[in-house]
Amino acid sequence: MSNIQLSNEENYFIVKREEIKNTLTLPTKSFLQKSYDFKKITVLKNDPNFVLLIAGWCVQTSTLMQIKNPIDQFVKKDIFKMLTGYWSILTFEELIKAFELERFSVYEEKTEHYQLFDTAYISAILKKYTKWKQEQKKQLNINAPMEEIKLTPAEIESKTINGINLKYQEFLKNNDIEEPFSWIFKELIERGLIKMPNANTPKLSIYFDNKLLEAKEQILKESKNFVSSDKKERQTNKELLESIISESFNQEAKTKIEIRAKKLVLIDFFKKQIELQKQNIL
């Protein structure tokens, strides 16, 4: 079909899609790394031609998905409202990528469209894309770029003290420590408030060994009781469980046990401060 036979909306969409063609063909890691630079829909919607872009996207995408029923004008308005609202955190590139992955059967299951290109179908695909993106970022170790902020030594010290005291206040309130807390464990060691075992501290060595054992038992119990509808999560948990039971300890098991042991030591430390009637740690 030549562009002469296409609507203005479709022609406009095709031009814009052509502009990002090279981006869409990037390897997964490169695409996701670059995605932090894409303009989100919440920004794009201010463009006077954005309505044309989405209208063209709807028609072209429904065709690619082999949906034969035309899209009602009221449905188009509903789609536009949804994309500029709940899904405005995504980008134009991601809208195209999400349905490309569906066509290429990358997701675990296909979503039935019942010959309707509407908000329910679009949301189902975008939810799968969001989940896929999160999983891929985790597997490929992709993190959002951080802007470099230079702090003075005094500002760093103030933030550190406030962060530790805030975590202590949360423990006083909830009787639990939520992540992130590993940095606090490290900081308290460096300040000498938590002592690490050595050859001259056999009792302390026994204490830390017991905490590692307690952590292992907790992770083992949680792994045995783990329930998920996600096949990959179930497989990962199975491998974790088997590695703990066999005491071969894969990397995930080692990491989880080590982090849990740090948490248990921190809890003991905080409880000791409560006994000493401390209002703050630092």
Protein backbone atom coordinates (compact mmCIF):
# COMPACT_ATOMS: atom_id res chain seq x y z
CA MET A 1 0.00 0.00 0.00
CA SER A 2 1.50 3.34 -0.99
CA ASN A 3 1.48 6.37 1.28
CA ILE A 4 -1.03 8.05 -1.11
CA GLN A 5 -3.66 5.59 0.11
CA LEU A 6 -2.92 6.22 3.76
CA SER A 7 -4.55 8.80 6.00
CA ASN A 8 -2.71 11.88 7.21
CA GLU A 9 -2.46 10.30 10.65
CA GLU A 10 -0.86 7.14 9.29
CA ASN A 11 1.57 9.07 7.12
CA TYR A 12 2.60 11.22 10.07
CA PHE A 13 3.12 8.13 12.24
CA ILE A 14 5.20 6.39 9.55
CA VAL A 15 7.48 9.42 9.23
CA LYS A 16 8.01 9.53 13.00
CA ARG A 17 8.58 5.78 13.18
CA GLU A 18 11.18 6.06 10.43
CA GLU A 19 13.04 8.67 12.51
CA ILE A 20 13.52 6.15 15.34
CA LYS A 21 14.05 3.07 13.14
CA ASN A 22 17.69 2.63 14.17
CA THR A 23 16.79 2.91 17.85
CA LEU A 24 14.16 0.17 17.58
CA THR A 25 16.67 -2.26 16.05
CA LEU A 26 19.22 -1.83 18.86
CA PRO A 27 20.07 -4.91 20.98
CA THR A 28 17.92 -5.18 24.11
CA LYS A 29 20.58 -3.85 26.49
CA SER A 30 21.39 -0.85 24.29
CA PHE A 31 17.69 -0.07 23.79
CA LEU A 32 16.94 -0.14 27.51
CA GLN A 33 20.02 1.91 28.36
CA LYS A 34 19.03 4.50 25.77
CA SER A 35 15.40 4.49 26.93
CA TYR A 36 16.29 6.83 29.80
CA ASP A 37 16.85 9.53 27.16
CA PHE A 38 13.54 9.01 25.33
CA LYS A 39 10.84 11.65 25.77
CA LYS A 40 7.95 10.29 27.79
CA ILE A 41 4.36 10.59 26.62
CA THR A 42 3.74 13.04 29.45
CA VAL A 43 6.07 15.41 27.55
CA LEU A 44 5.11 14.41 24.00
CA LYS A 45 1.41 15.03 24.63
CA ASN A 46 2.10 18.78 24.63
CA ASP A 47 3.08 18.60 20.94
CA PRO A 48 0.18 19.87 18.77
CA ASN A 49 0.70 16.89 16.42
CA PHE A 50 0.57 14.28 19.19
CA VAL A 51 -3.09 13.45 18.40
CA LEU A 52 -2.05 12.67 14.82
CA LEU A 53 0.80 10.49 16.07
CA ILE A 54 -1.38 8.35 18.34
CA ALA A 55 -4.19 8.11 15.79
CA GLY A 56 -1.71 6.86 13.19
CA TRP A 57 -0.12 4.50 15.73
CA CYS A 58 -3.53 2.98 16.52
CA VAL A 59 -4.37 2.25 12.89
CA GLN A 60 -0.93 0.98 11.90
CA THR A 61 -0.46 -1.14 15.03
CA SER A 62 -3.91 -2.75 14.82
CA THR A 63 -3.10 -3.67 11.21
CA LEU A 64 0.23 -5.23 12.20
CA MET A 65 -1.56 -7.21 14.92
CA GLN A 66 -3.92 -8.52 12.20
CA ILE A 67 -6.98 -6.93 13.76
CA LYS A 68 -9.59 -6.56 11.04
CA ASN A 69 -12.27 -4.54 12.84
CA PRO A 70 -11.90 -0.74 12.40
CA ILE A 71 -11.31 1.37 15.51
CA ASP A 72 -14.34 3.39 16.56
CA GLN A 73 -13.70 7.12 17.07
CA PHE A 74 -14.93 6.92 20.67
CA VAL A 75 -12.50 4.04 21.30
CA LYS A 76 -9.67 6.14 19.82
CA LYS A 77 -10.51 8.94 22.25
CA ASP A 78 -10.52 6.43 25.11
CA ILE A 79 -7.11 5.10 24.00
CA PHE A 80 -5.75 8.63 23.79
CA LYS A 81 -7.04 9.41 27.28
CA MET A 82 -5.46 6.22 28.67
CA LEU A 83 -2.07 6.76 27.01
CA THR A 84 -1.84 10.38 28.16
CA GLY A 85 -2.87 9.37 31.66
CA TYR A 86 -1.87 6.06 33.22
CA TRP A 87 0.64 5.07 30.51
CA SER A 88 2.19 8.52 30.05
CA ILE A 89 5.31 7.20 31.86
CA LEU A 90 6.17 5.27 28.70
CA THR A 91 7.64 6.68 25.50
CA PHE A 92 6.72 6.59 21.81
CA GLU A 93 9.61 4.20 21.20
CA GLU A 94 8.33 1.90 23.93
CA LEU A 95 4.79 1.84 22.51
CA ILE A 96 6.19 0.48 19.26
CA LYS A 97 8.62 -1.88 21.00
CA ALA A 98 5.90 -3.31 23.28
CA PHE A 99 3.77 -4.50 20.36
CA GLU A 100 6.80 -5.59 18.37
CA LEU A 101 7.71 -7.97 21.22
CA GLU A 102 4.14 -9.29 21.19
CA ARG A 103 4.30 -9.96 17.44
CA PHE A 104 7.65 -11.70 17.79
CA SER A 105 6.32 -13.92 20.64
CA VAL A 106 8.95 -12.68 23.10
CA TYR A 107 6.50 -12.62 26.00
CA GLU A 108 5.63 -15.92 27.65
CA GLU A 109 2.05 -15.89 26.40
CA LYS A 110 0.16 -14.29 23.54
CA THR A 111 -2.71 -11.95 24.40
CA GLU A 112 -5.97 -12.59 22.58
CA HIS A 113 -7.33 -9.40 20.96
CA TYR A 114 -10.73 -10.77 19.84
CA GLN A 115 -10.40 -8.52 16.77
CA LEU A 116 -10.61 -5.42 18.97
CA PHE A 117 -7.88 -2.82 19.34
CA ASP A 118 -9.08 -1.13 22.50
CA THR A 119 -7.84 0.05 25.91
CA ALA A 120 -8.12 -3.41 27.48
CA TYR A 121 -5.96 -5.04 24.81
CA ILE A 122 -3.42 -2.22 24.72
CA SER A 123 -3.07 -2.23 28.52
CA ALA A 124 -2.54 -5.99 28.56
CA ILE A 125 0.38 -5.64 26.13
CA LEU A 126 1.89 -2.63 27.94
CA LYS A 127 1.72 -4.46 31.27
CA LYS A 128 3.64 -7.36 29.73
CA TYR A 129 6.16 -4.92 28.28
CA THR A 130 6.64 -3.21 31.66
CA LYS A 131 7.25 -6.56 33.34
CA TRP A 132 9.64 -7.61 30.56
CA LYS A 133 11.53 -4.31 30.85
CA GLN A 134 11.95 -4.71 34.62
CA GLU A 135 13.16 -8.29 34.27
CA GLN A 136 15.61 -7.40 31.49
CA LYS A 137 17.04 -4.45 33.44
CA LYS A 138 17.58 -6.71 36.41
CA GLN A 139 19.21 -9.50 34.35
CA LEU A 140 21.38 -7.08 32.37
CA ASN A 141 22.23 -4.98 35.44
CA ILE A 142 20.89 -1.74 33.95
CA ASN A 143 20.34 1.13 36.38
CA ALA A 144 19.07 4.64 35.84
CA PRO A 145 21.92 7.08 35.28
CA MET A 146 22.63 9.22 38.30
CA GLU A 147 23.42 12.89 38.03
CA GLU A 148 26.69 13.65 39.72
CA ILE A 149 26.05 15.75 42.80
CA LYS A 150 29.08 17.06 44.61
CA LEU A 151 28.62 17.32 48.35
CA THR A 152 30.95 18.80 50.88
CA PRO A 153 32.38 16.48 53.58
CA ALA A 154 30.08 18.18 56.10
CA GLU A 155 27.02 17.55 53.91
CA ILE A 156 27.99 13.89 53.45
CA GLU A 157 28.43 13.46 57.22
CA SER A 158 25.08 15.12 57.90
CA LYS A 159 23.25 12.91 55.38
CA THR A 160 24.93 9.79 56.78
CA ILE A 161 23.97 10.61 60.37
CA ASN A 162 20.40 11.50 59.41
CA GLY A 163 20.05 8.31 57.35
CA ILE A 164 21.23 6.06 60.20
CA ASN A 165 19.09 7.82 62.79
CA LEU A 166 16.05 7.64 60.50
CA LYS A 167 16.51 3.89 60.07
CA TYR A 168 16.73 3.55 63.87
CA GLN A 169 13.52 5.56 64.30
CA GLU A 170 11.79 3.28 61.80
CA PHE A 171 12.92 0.27 63.83
CA LEU A 172 11.56 1.83 67.04
CA LYS A 173 8.22 2.23 65.30
CA ASN A 174 7.98 -1.02 63.30
CA ASN A 175 10.35 -3.39 65.14
CA ASP A 176 11.87 -4.27 61.79
CA ILE A 177 14.52 -3.01 59.37
CA GLU A 178 13.64 -2.59 55.71
CA GLU A 179 16.15 -2.36 52.87
CA PRO A 180 18.39 -0.62 52.08
CA PHE A 181 20.43 -1.19 55.23
CA SER A 182 23.74 -2.76 54.11
CA TRP A 183 25.35 0.68 53.88
CA ILE A 184 24.38 1.34 57.52
CA PHE A 185 25.97 -1.95 58.61
CA LYS A 186 29.18 -0.95 56.79
CA GLU A 187 29.13 2.58 58.23
CA LEU A 188 28.67 1.37 61.80
CA ILE A 189 31.58 -1.03 61.37
CA GLU A 190 33.80 1.76 60.07
CA ARG A 191 32.84 3.91 63.04
CA GLY A 192 33.65 1.07 65.42
CA LEU A 193 30.10 0.80 66.75
CA ILE A 194 29.72 -2.74 65.43
CA LYS A 195 32.76 -4.94 66.04
CA MET A 196 33.83 -7.54 63.51
CA PRO A 197 35.37 -10.82 64.75
CA ASN A 198 39.07 -11.61 64.53
CA ALA A 199 41.52 -14.19 65.93
CA ASN A 200 41.41 -12.51 69.33
CA THR A 201 37.60 -12.44 69.64
CA PRO A 202 36.40 -16.08 69.69
CA LYS A 203 33.03 -15.19 71.29
CA LEU A 204 32.37 -12.61 68.60
CA SER A 205 33.27 -15.19 65.92
CA ILE A 206 30.74 -17.59 67.40
CA TYR A 207 28.12 -14.80 67.45
CA PHE A 208 28.58 -14.01 63.74
CA ASP A 209 28.59 -17.72 62.84
CA ASN A 210 25.28 -18.09 64.65
CA LYS A 211 23.84 -15.11 62.79
CA LEU A 212 24.84 -16.66 59.45
CA LEU A 213 23.20 -19.92 60.49
CA GLU A 214 20.04 -18.09 61.60
CA ALA A 215 19.99 -16.19 58.31
CA LYS A 216 20.35 -19.42 56.33
CA GLU A 217 17.45 -21.01 58.22
CA GLN A 218 15.23 -17.98 57.60
CA ILE A 219 15.98 -17.88 53.86
CA LEU A 220 15.46 -21.63 53.62
CA LYS A 221 12.05 -21.40 55.33
CA GLU A 222 10.98 -18.49 53.11
CA SER A 223 12.12 -20.36 50.01
CA LYS A 224 10.13 -23.45 51.00
CA ASN A 225 7.01 -21.32 51.48
CA PHE A 226 7.55 -19.29 48.29
CA VAL A 227 4.55 -19.11 45.94
CA SER A 228 4.45 -17.39 42.54
CA SER A 229 2.50 -17.61 39.31
CA ASP A 230 5.64 -16.59 37.40
CA LYS A 231 7.48 -19.59 35.94
CA LYS A 232 10.89 -17.88 35.98
CA GLU A 233 10.50 -16.83 39.62
CA ARG A 234 9.53 -20.39 40.58
CA GLN A 235 12.60 -21.78 38.75
CA THR A 236 14.92 -19.26 40.41
CA ASN A 237 13.49 -20.10 43.81
CA LYS A 238 13.85 -23.84 43.13
CA GLU A 239 17.54 -23.37 42.31
CA LEU A 240 17.98 -21.25 45.44
CA LEU A 241 16.29 -23.86 47.61
CA GLU A 242 18.31 -26.74 46.17
CA SER A 243 21.58 -24.86 46.61
CA ILE A 244 20.86 -24.20 50.30
CA ILE A 245 19.71 -27.75 51.03
CA SER A 246 22.78 -29.21 49.28
CA GLU A 247 24.95 -26.52 50.90
CA SER A 248 26.53 -25.77 47.51
CA PHE A 249 25.22 -22.18 47.91
CA ASN A 250 24.90 -20.51 44.51
CA GLN A 251 25.63 -16.78 44.24
CA GLU A 252 22.04 -15.73 44.95
CA ALA A 253 21.93 -17.90 48.09
CA LYS A 254 25.22 -16.48 49.35
CA THR A 255 24.05 -12.93 48.75
CA LYS A 256 20.65 -13.42 50.38
CA ILE A 257 22.14 -15.12 53.45
CA GLU A 258 24.84 -12.49 53.84
CA ILE A 259 22.35 -9.62 53.61
CA ARG A 260 19.98 -11.31 56.05
CA ALA A 261 22.83 -11.90 58.51
CA LYS A 262 23.70 -8.20 58.37
CA LYS A 263 20.07 -7.38 59.09
CA LEU A 264 20.04 -9.70 62.12
CA VAL A 265 23.21 -8.10 63.51
CA LEU A 266 21.73 -4.64 62.98
CA ILE A 267 18.55 -5.66 64.79
CA ASP A 268 20.61 -6.84 67.77
CA PHE A 269 22.57 -3.60 67.70
CA PHE A 270 19.41 -1.47 67.61
CA LYS A 271 17.86 -3.48 70.46
CA LYS A 272 20.97 -2.81 72.52
CA GLN A 273 20.60 0.92 71.89
CA ILE A 274 16.99 0.71 73.07
CA GLU A 275 18.17 -0.94 76.29
CA LEU A 276 20.61 1.97 76.70
CA GLN A 277 17.64 4.33 76.14
CA LYS A 278 19.29 5.95 73.14
CA GLN A 279 17.07 8.31 71.15
CA ASN A 280 19.46 8.30 68.21
CA ILE A 281 22.44 6.20 67.13
CA LEU A 282 24.65 9.19 66.23
